[in-house]
Protein backbone atom coordinates (compact mmCIF):
# COMPACT_ATOMS: atom_id res chain seq x y z
CA UNK A 1 0.00 0.00 0.00
CA UNK A 2 1.24 3.46 -0.88
CA UNK A 3 -0.22 6.61 0.72
CA UNK A 4 0.58 10.08 -0.62
CA UNK A 5 -0.71 13.63 -0.31
CA UNK A 6 -1.19 16.07 -3.20
CA UNK A 7 -0.52 13.26 -5.65
CA UNK A 8 -0.61 14.12 -9.40
CA UNK A 9 -3.24 12.28 -11.44
CA UNK A 10 -2.15 13.26 -14.97
CA UNK A 11 -0.69 9.85 -15.78
CA UNK A 12 -3.75 8.07 -14.38
CA UNK A 13 -6.41 9.43 -16.76
CA UNK A 14 -6.61 9.03 -20.52
CA UNK A 15 -6.96 12.78 -21.16
CA UNK A 16 -3.81 13.45 -19.09
CA UNK A 17 -5.46 16.50 -17.52
CA UNK A 18 -3.62 18.24 -14.72
CA UNK A 19 -5.20 17.35 -11.39
CA UNK A 20 -4.03 16.34 -7.94
CA UNK A 21 -5.56 14.15 -5.28
CA UNK A 22 -5.61 15.69 -1.82
CA UNK A 23 -4.91 12.17 -0.51
CA UNK A 24 -4.05 9.14 -2.66
CA UNK A 25 -3.96 5.51 -1.59
CA UNK A 26 -2.70 2.85 -4.00
CA UNK A 27 -3.45 -0.77 -3.18
CA UNK A 28 -1.22 -3.48 -4.64
CA UNK A 29 -2.82 -6.43 -2.87
CA UNK A 30 -6.48 -7.27 -2.38
CA UNK A 31 -5.96 -7.87 1.35
CA UNK A 32 -4.92 -4.24 1.89
CA UNK A 33 -8.30 -2.79 0.91
CA UNK A 34 -10.52 -4.07 3.76
CA UNK A 35 -7.81 -3.33 6.33
CA UNK A 36 -7.48 0.26 5.14
CA UNK A 37 -11.24 0.81 4.92
CA UNK A 38 -11.68 -0.48 8.47
CA UNK A 39 -8.97 1.80 9.85
CA UNK A 40 -9.58 4.99 7.85
CA UNK A 41 -12.26 7.52 8.70
CA UNK A 42 -13.60 7.94 5.16
CA UNK A 43 -16.98 9.19 6.36
CA UNK A 44 -15.49 12.56 7.30
CA UNK A 45 -14.23 13.41 3.81
CA UNK A 46 -15.15 12.65 0.21
CA UNK A 47 -13.58 9.62 -1.42
CA UNK A 48 -13.34 8.28 -4.95
CA UNK A 49 -12.63 4.71 -6.01
CA UNK A 50 -10.42 5.00 -9.05
CA UNK A 51 -10.17 2.31 -11.73
CA UNK A 52 -8.33 2.59 -15.02
CA UNK A 53 -9.05 6.30 -15.51
CA UNK A 54 -10.69 5.99 -18.93
CA UNK A 55 -14.09 7.22 -17.74
CA UNK A 56 -12.91 10.24 -15.73
CA UNK A 57 -12.63 13.84 -16.82
CA UNK A 58 -11.07 16.05 -14.17
CA UNK A 59 -12.23 19.65 -13.88
CA UNK A 60 -9.72 20.33 -11.12
CA UNK A 61 -8.07 18.82 -8.10
CA UNK A 62 -9.82 16.04 -6.20
CA UNK A 63 -10.76 16.86 -2.61
CA UNK A 64 -10.66 13.99 -0.16
CA UNK A 65 -9.13 10.60 -0.84
CA UNK A 66 -8.61 8.74 -4.12
CA UNK A 67 -8.58 4.97 -3.53
CA UNK A 68 -6.77 3.23 -6.39
CA UNK A 69 -6.59 -0.58 -6.45
CA UNK A 70 -3.89 -1.75 -8.87
CA UNK A 71 -4.26 -5.49 -8.67
PDB file of N, CA and C in Angstrom:
ATOM      1  N   UNK A   1       0.847  -1.166   0.000  1.00  0.00           N
ATOM      2  CA  UNK A   1       0.000   0.000   0.000  1.00  0.00           C
ATOM      3  C   UNK A   1       0.894   1.231   0.000  1.00  0.00           C
ATOM      4  N   UNK A   2       0.495   2.207  -0.773  1.00  0.00           N
ATOM      5  CA  UNK A   2       1.235   3.461  -0.882  1.00  0.00           C
ATOM      6  C   UNK A   2       0.268   4.601  -0.579  1.00  0.00           C
ATOM      7  N   UNK A   3       0.626   5.476   0.348  1.00  0.00           N
ATOM      8  CA  UNK A   3      -0.217   6.612   0.721  1.00  0.00           C
ATOM      9  C   UNK A   3       0.554   7.894   0.462  1.00  0.00           C
ATOM     10  N   UNK A   4      -0.069   8.805  -0.285  1.00  0.00           N
ATOM     11  CA  UNK A   4       0.579  10.080  -0.617  1.00  0.00           C
ATOM     12  C   UNK A   4      -0.406  11.230  -0.458  1.00  0.00           C
ATOM     13  N   UNK A   5       0.125  12.433  -0.317  1.00  0.00           N
ATOM     14  CA  UNK A   5      -0.709  13.633  -0.311  1.00  0.00           C
ATOM     15  C   UNK A   5      -0.357  14.482  -1.525  1.00  0.00           C
ATOM     16  N   UNK A   6      -1.340  15.195  -2.024  1.00  0.00           N
ATOM     17  CA  UNK A   6      -1.191  16.071  -3.197  1.00  0.00           C
ATOM     18  C   UNK A   6      -0.541  15.327  -4.368  1.00  0.00           C
ATOM     19  N   UNK A   7      -1.076  14.146  -4.625  1.00  0.00           N
ATOM     20  CA  UNK A   7      -0.515  13.258  -5.653  1.00  0.00           C
ATOM     21  C   UNK A   7      -1.047  13.636  -7.040  1.00  0.00           C
ATOM     22  N   UNK A   8      -0.164  13.792  -8.044  1.00  0.00           N
ATOM     23  CA  UNK A   8      -0.607  14.123  -9.398  1.00  0.00           C
ATOM     24  C   UNK A   8      -1.362  12.958 -10.044  1.00  0.00           C
ATOM     25  N   UNK A   9      -2.408  13.292 -10.795  1.00  0.00           N
ATOM     26  CA  UNK A   9      -3.241  12.281 -11.440  1.00  0.00           C
ATOM     27  C   UNK A   9      -3.134  12.304 -12.966  1.00  0.00           C
ATOM     28  N   UNK A  10      -2.246  13.124 -13.520  1.00  0.00           N
ATOM     29  CA  UNK A  10      -2.146  13.261 -14.972  1.00  0.00           C
ATOM     30  C   UNK A  10      -1.901  11.931 -15.683  1.00  0.00           C
ATOM     31  N   UNK A  11      -1.032  11.117 -15.135  1.00  0.00           N
ATOM     32  CA  UNK A  11      -0.690   9.845 -15.777  1.00  0.00           C
ATOM     33  C   UNK A  11      -1.722   8.755 -15.516  1.00  0.00           C
ATOM     34  N   UNK A  12      -2.752   9.076 -14.739  1.00  0.00           N
ATOM     35  CA  UNK A  12      -3.753   8.072 -14.383  1.00  0.00           C
ATOM     36  C   UNK A  12      -5.096   8.294 -15.064  1.00  0.00           C
ATOM     37  N   UNK A  13      -5.178   9.251 -15.996  1.00  0.00           N
ATOM     38  CA  UNK A  13      -6.411   9.429 -16.761  1.00  0.00           C
ATOM     39  C   UNK A  13      -6.061   9.588 -18.231  1.00  0.00           C
ATOM     40  N   UNK A  14      -6.933   9.094 -19.096  1.00  0.00           N
ATOM     41  CA  UNK A  14      -6.608   9.029 -20.523  1.00  0.00           C
ATOM     42  C   UNK A  14      -6.490  10.397 -21.182  1.00  0.00           C
ATOM     43  N   UNK A  15      -7.089  11.430 -20.604  1.00  0.00           N
ATOM     44  CA  UNK A  15      -6.965  12.775 -21.158  1.00  0.00           C
ATOM     45  C   UNK A  15      -5.701  13.486 -20.659  1.00  0.00           C
ATOM     46  N   UNK A  16      -5.035  12.895 -19.676  1.00  0.00           N
ATOM     47  CA  UNK A  16      -3.809  13.450 -19.087  1.00  0.00           C
ATOM     48  C   UNK A  16      -4.007  14.896 -18.619  1.00  0.00           C
ATOM     49  N   UNK A  17      -5.179  15.165 -18.038  1.00  0.00           N
ATOM     50  CA  UNK A  17      -5.464  16.499 -17.522  1.00  0.00           C
ATOM     51  C   UNK A  17      -4.767  16.700 -16.187  1.00  0.00           C
ATOM     52  N   UNK A  18      -4.307  17.908 -15.973  1.00  0.00           N
ATOM     53  CA  UNK A  18      -3.623  18.236 -14.723  1.00  0.00           C
ATOM     54  C   UNK A  18      -4.628  18.242 -13.577  1.00  0.00           C
ATOM     55  N   UNK A  19      -4.381  17.416 -12.600  1.00  0.00           N
ATOM     56  CA  UNK A  19      -5.201  17.352 -11.388  1.00  0.00           C
ATOM     57  C   UNK A  19      -4.378  16.671 -10.316  1.00  0.00           C
ATOM     58  N   UNK A  20      -4.704  16.965  -9.078  1.00  0.00           N
ATOM     59  CA  UNK A  20      -4.030  16.343  -7.943  1.00  0.00           C
ATOM     60  C   UNK A  20      -5.071  15.803  -6.978  1.00  0.00           C
ATOM     61  N   UNK A  21      -4.716  14.706  -6.334  1.00  0.00           N
ATOM     62  CA  UNK A  21      -5.556  14.146  -5.278  1.00  0.00           C
ATOM     63  C   UNK A  21      -5.069  14.698  -3.951  1.00  0.00           C
ATOM     64  N   UNK A  22      -5.987  15.206  -3.151  1.00  0.00           N
ATOM     65  CA  UNK A  22      -5.608  15.691  -1.821  1.00  0.00           C
ATOM     66  C   UNK A  22      -4.907  14.567  -1.051  1.00  0.00           C
ATOM     67  N   UNK A  23      -5.504  13.376  -1.091  1.00  0.00           N
ATOM     68  CA  UNK A  23      -4.908  12.167  -0.515  1.00  0.00           C
ATOM     69  C   UNK A  23      -5.068  11.055  -1.548  1.00  0.00           C
ATOM     70  N   UNK A  24      -4.061  10.219  -1.680  1.00  0.00           N
ATOM     71  CA  UNK A  24      -4.053   9.144  -2.664  1.00  0.00           C
ATOM     72  C   UNK A  24      -3.567   7.870  -1.991  1.00  0.00           C
ATOM     73  N   UNK A  25      -4.345   6.802  -2.156  1.00  0.00           N
ATOM     74  CA  UNK A  25      -3.962   5.509  -1.587  1.00  0.00           C
ATOM     75  C   UNK A  25      -3.976   4.482  -2.714  1.00  0.00           C
ATOM     76  N   UNK A  26      -2.824   3.885  -2.974  1.00  0.00           N
ATOM     77  CA  UNK A  26      -2.700   2.850  -3.998  1.00  0.00           C
ATOM     78  C   UNK A  26      -2.595   1.496  -3.305  1.00  0.00           C
ATOM     79  N   UNK A  27      -3.454   0.575  -3.737  1.00  0.00           N
ATOM     80  CA  UNK A  27      -3.454  -0.773  -3.179  1.00  0.00           C
ATOM     81  C   UNK A  27      -2.843  -1.728  -4.189  1.00  0.00           C
ATOM     82  N   UNK A  28      -1.856  -2.506  -3.767  1.00  0.00           N
ATOM     83  CA  UNK A  28      -1.216  -3.479  -4.640  1.00  0.00           C
ATOM     84  C   UNK A  28      -1.684  -4.904  -4.372  1.00  0.00           C
ATOM     85  N   UNK A  29      -2.331  -5.104  -3.231  1.00  0.00           N
ATOM     86  CA  UNK A  29      -2.821  -6.432  -2.869  1.00  0.00           C
ATOM     87  C   UNK A  29      -4.252  -6.322  -2.383  1.00  0.00           C
ATOM     88  N   UNK A  30      -5.070  -7.260  -2.743  1.00  0.00           N
ATOM     89  CA  UNK A  30      -6.483  -7.266  -2.377  1.00  0.00           C
ATOM     90  C   UNK A  30      -6.687  -7.194  -0.866  1.00  0.00           C
ATOM     91  N   UNK A  31      -5.825  -7.829  -0.106  1.00  0.00           N
ATOM     92  CA  UNK A  31      -5.960  -7.873   1.347  1.00  0.00           C
ATOM     93  C   UNK A  31      -5.801  -6.500   1.994  1.00  0.00           C
ATOM     94  N   UNK A  32      -5.150  -5.575   1.325  1.00  0.00           N
ATOM     95  CA  UNK A  32      -4.919  -4.243   1.887  1.00  0.00           C
ATOM     96  C   UNK A  32      -6.195  -3.396   1.941  1.00  0.00           C
ATOM     97  N   UNK A  33      -7.114  -3.652   1.029  1.00  0.00           N
ATOM     98  CA  UNK A  33      -8.296  -2.788   0.912  1.00  0.00           C
ATOM     99  C   UNK A  33      -9.186  -2.859   2.146  1.00  0.00           C
ATOM    100  N   UNK A  34      -9.661  -4.040   2.572  1.00  0.00           N
ATOM    101  CA  UNK A  34     -10.523  -4.073   3.765  1.00  0.00           C
ATOM    102  C   UNK A  34      -9.832  -3.544   5.014  1.00  0.00           C
ATOM    103  N   UNK A  35      -8.534  -3.811   5.156  1.00  0.00           N
ATOM    104  CA  UNK A  35      -7.808  -3.331   6.326  1.00  0.00           C
ATOM    105  C   UNK A  35      -7.763  -1.804   6.347  1.00  0.00           C
ATOM    106  N   UNK A  36      -7.518  -1.199   5.204  1.00  0.00           N
ATOM    107  CA  UNK A  36      -7.480   0.262   5.139  1.00  0.00           C
ATOM    108  C   UNK A  36      -8.866   0.857   5.382  1.00  0.00           C
ATOM    109  N   UNK A  37      -9.882   0.289   4.752  1.00  0.00           N
ATOM    110  CA  UNK A  37     -11.240   0.813   4.917  1.00  0.00           C
ATOM    111  C   UNK A  37     -11.712   0.711   6.355  1.00  0.00           C
ATOM    112  N   UNK A  38     -11.283  -0.319   7.063  1.00  0.00           N
ATOM    113  CA  UNK A  38     -11.676  -0.479   8.469  1.00  0.00           C
ATOM    114  C   UNK A  38     -10.965   0.518   9.367  1.00  0.00           C
ATOM    115  N   UNK A  39      -9.754   0.919   8.990  1.00  0.00           N
ATOM    116  CA  UNK A  39      -8.975   1.799   9.850  1.00  0.00           C
ATOM    117  C   UNK A  39      -9.133   3.279   9.510  1.00  0.00           C
ATOM    118  N   UNK A  40      -9.490   3.591   8.291  1.00  0.00           N
ATOM    119  CA  UNK A  40      -9.582   4.988   7.853  1.00  0.00           C
ATOM    120  C   UNK A  40     -10.957   5.560   8.162  1.00  0.00           C
ATOM    121  N   UNK A  41     -10.989   6.853   8.436  1.00  0.00           N
ATOM    122  CA  UNK A  41     -12.256   7.522   8.700  1.00  0.00           C
ATOM    123  C   UNK A  41     -12.714   8.206   7.408  1.00  0.00           C
ATOM    124  N   UNK A  42     -13.196   7.416   6.467  1.00  0.00           N
ATOM    125  CA  UNK A  42     -13.600   7.940   5.164  1.00  0.00           C
ATOM    126  C   UNK A  42     -14.931   8.684   5.207  1.00  0.00           C
ATOM    127  N   UNK A  43     -15.688   8.513   6.265  1.00  0.00           N
ATOM    128  CA  UNK A  43     -16.979   9.190   6.360  1.00  0.00           C
ATOM    129  C   UNK A  43     -16.839  10.691   6.564  1.00  0.00           C
ATOM    130  N   UNK A  44     -15.689  11.147   7.016  1.00  0.00           N
ATOM    131  CA  UNK A  44     -15.486  12.560   7.298  1.00  0.00           C
ATOM    132  C   UNK A  44     -15.070  13.361   6.075  1.00  0.00           C
ATOM    133  N   UNK A  45     -14.652  12.693   5.013  1.00  0.00           N
ATOM    134  CA  UNK A  45     -14.227  13.411   3.815  1.00  0.00           C
ATOM    135  C   UNK A  45     -14.670  12.645   2.573  1.00  0.00           C
ATOM    136  N   UNK A  46     -14.772  13.339   1.436  1.00  0.00           N
ATOM    137  CA  UNK A  46     -15.147  12.645   0.207  1.00  0.00           C
ATOM    138  C   UNK A  46     -14.089  11.629  -0.200  1.00  0.00           C
ATOM    139  N   UNK A  47     -14.514  10.606  -0.914  1.00  0.00           N
ATOM    140  CA  UNK A  47     -13.576   9.619  -1.420  1.00  0.00           C
ATOM    141  C   UNK A  47     -14.049   9.138  -2.790  1.00  0.00           C
ATOM    142  N   UNK A  48     -13.085   8.719  -3.585  1.00  0.00           N
ATOM    143  CA  UNK A  48     -13.344   8.280  -4.948  1.00  0.00           C
ATOM    144  C   UNK A  48     -12.585   6.996  -5.195  1.00  0.00           C
ATOM    145  N   UNK A  49     -13.301   5.940  -5.585  1.00  0.00           N
ATOM    146  CA  UNK A  49     -12.634   4.713  -6.006  1.00  0.00           C
ATOM    147  C   UNK A  49     -12.253   4.890  -7.461  1.00  0.00           C
ATOM    148  N   UNK A  50     -10.991   4.704  -7.745  1.00  0.00           N
ATOM    149  CA  UNK A  50     -10.419   4.996  -9.053  1.00  0.00           C
ATOM    150  C   UNK A  50     -10.067   3.686  -9.736  1.00  0.00           C
ATOM    151  N   UNK A  51     -10.497   3.522 -10.971  1.00  0.00           N
ATOM    152  CA  UNK A  51     -10.170   2.310 -11.730  1.00  0.00           C
ATOM    153  C   UNK A  51      -9.045   2.588 -12.703  1.00  0.00           C
ATOM    154  N   UNK A  52      -9.327   2.394 -13.983  1.00  0.00           N
ATOM    155  CA  UNK A  52      -8.329   2.594 -15.025  1.00  0.00           C
ATOM    156  C   UNK A  52      -8.180   4.025 -15.482  1.00  0.00           C
ATOM    157  N   UNK A  53      -9.136   4.897 -15.166  1.00  0.00           N
ATOM    158  CA  UNK A  53      -9.048   6.300 -15.514  1.00  0.00           C
ATOM    159  C   UNK A  53      -9.638   6.666 -16.859  1.00  0.00           C
ATOM    160  N   UNK A  54     -10.184   5.690 -17.595  1.00  0.00           N
ATOM    161  CA  UNK A  54     -10.695   5.987 -18.929  1.00  0.00           C
ATOM    162  C   UNK A  54     -12.066   6.653 -18.910  1.00  0.00           C
ATOM    163  N   UNK A  55     -12.760   6.610 -17.792  1.00  0.00           N
ATOM    164  CA  UNK A  55     -14.086   7.222 -17.742  1.00  0.00           C
ATOM    165  C   UNK A  55     -14.113   8.457 -16.839  1.00  0.00           C
ATOM    166  N   UNK A  56     -12.977   9.061 -16.584  1.00  0.00           N
ATOM    167  CA  UNK A  56     -12.907  10.239 -15.730  1.00  0.00           C
ATOM    168  C   UNK A  56     -12.426  11.446 -16.511  1.00  0.00           C
ATOM    169  N   UNK A  57     -13.056  12.578 -16.248  1.00  0.00           N
ATOM    170  CA  UNK A  57     -12.631  13.842 -16.820  1.00  0.00           C
ATOM    171  C   UNK A  57     -12.513  14.816 -15.660  1.00  0.00           C
ATOM    172  N   UNK A  58     -11.296  15.190 -15.318  1.00  0.00           N
ATOM    173  CA  UNK A  58     -11.070  16.051 -14.169  1.00  0.00           C
ATOM    174  C   UNK A  58     -11.273  17.510 -14.539  1.00  0.00           C
ATOM    175  N   UNK A  59     -12.031  18.214 -13.713  1.00  0.00           N
ATOM    176  CA  UNK A  59     -12.233  19.653 -13.880  1.00  0.00           C
ATOM    177  C   UNK A  59     -11.345  20.425 -12.917  1.00  0.00           C
ATOM    178  N   UNK A  60     -10.602  19.717 -12.105  1.00  0.00           N
ATOM    179  CA  UNK A  60      -9.715  20.333 -11.123  1.00  0.00           C
ATOM    180  C   UNK A  60      -9.200  19.280 -10.176  1.00  0.00           C
ATOM    181  N   UNK A  61      -8.612  19.739  -9.100  1.00  0.00           N
ATOM    182  CA  UNK A  61      -8.073  18.818  -8.101  1.00  0.00           C
ATOM    183  C   UNK A  61      -9.195  18.061  -7.406  1.00  0.00           C
ATOM    184  N   UNK A  62      -8.860  16.905  -6.873  1.00  0.00           N
ATOM    185  CA  UNK A  62      -9.823  16.044  -6.198  1.00  0.00           C
ATOM    186  C   UNK A  62      -9.681  16.238  -4.700  1.00  0.00           C
ATOM    187  N   UNK A  63     -10.753  16.721  -4.068  1.00  0.00           N
ATOM    188  CA  UNK A  63     -10.761  16.858  -2.606  1.00  0.00           C
ATOM    189  C   UNK A  63     -11.037  15.498  -1.986  1.00  0.00           C
ATOM    190  N   UNK A  64     -10.456  15.254  -0.838  1.00  0.00           N
ATOM    191  CA  UNK A  64     -10.665  13.987  -0.164  1.00  0.00           C
ATOM    192  C   UNK A  64      -9.625  12.969  -0.576  1.00  0.00           C
ATOM    193  N   UNK A  65     -10.045  11.696  -0.627  1.00  0.00           N
ATOM    194  CA  UNK A  65      -9.130  10.596  -0.837  1.00  0.00           C
ATOM    195  C   UNK A  65      -9.468   9.830  -2.116  1.00  0.00           C
ATOM    196  N   UNK A  66      -8.476   9.609  -2.948  1.00  0.00           N
ATOM    197  CA  UNK A  66      -8.613   8.737  -4.117  1.00  0.00           C
ATOM    198  C   UNK A  66      -8.092   7.355  -3.713  1.00  0.00           C
ATOM    199  N   UNK A  67      -8.942   6.347  -3.850  1.00  0.00           N
ATOM    200  CA  UNK A  67      -8.576   4.973  -3.533  1.00  0.00           C
ATOM    201  C   UNK A  67      -8.357   4.248  -4.849  1.00  0.00           C
ATOM    202  N   UNK A  68      -7.150   3.762  -5.089  1.00  0.00           N
ATOM    203  CA  UNK A  68      -6.771   3.228  -6.387  1.00  0.00           C
ATOM    204  C   UNK A  68      -6.227   1.810  -6.256  1.00  0.00           C
ATOM    205  N   UNK A  69      -7.092   0.800  -6.458  1.00  0.00           N
ATOM    206  CA  UNK A  69      -6.591  -0.579  -6.446  1.00  0.00           C
ATOM    207  C   UNK A  69      -5.906  -0.900  -7.767  1.00  0.00           C
ATOM    208  N   UNK A  70      -4.662  -1.332  -7.699  1.00  0.00           N
ATOM    209  CA  UNK A  70      -3.888  -1.746  -8.869  1.00  0.00           C
ATOM    210  C   UNK A  70      -3.522  -3.196  -8.636  1.00  0.00           C
ATOM    211  N   UNK A  71      -4.426  -4.067  -9.000  1.00  0.00           N
ATOM    212  CA  UNK A  71      -4.262  -5.492  -8.670  1.00  0.00           C
ATOM    213  C   UNK A  71      -3.938  -6.310  -9.901  1.00  0.00           C
TER     214      UNK A  71
END
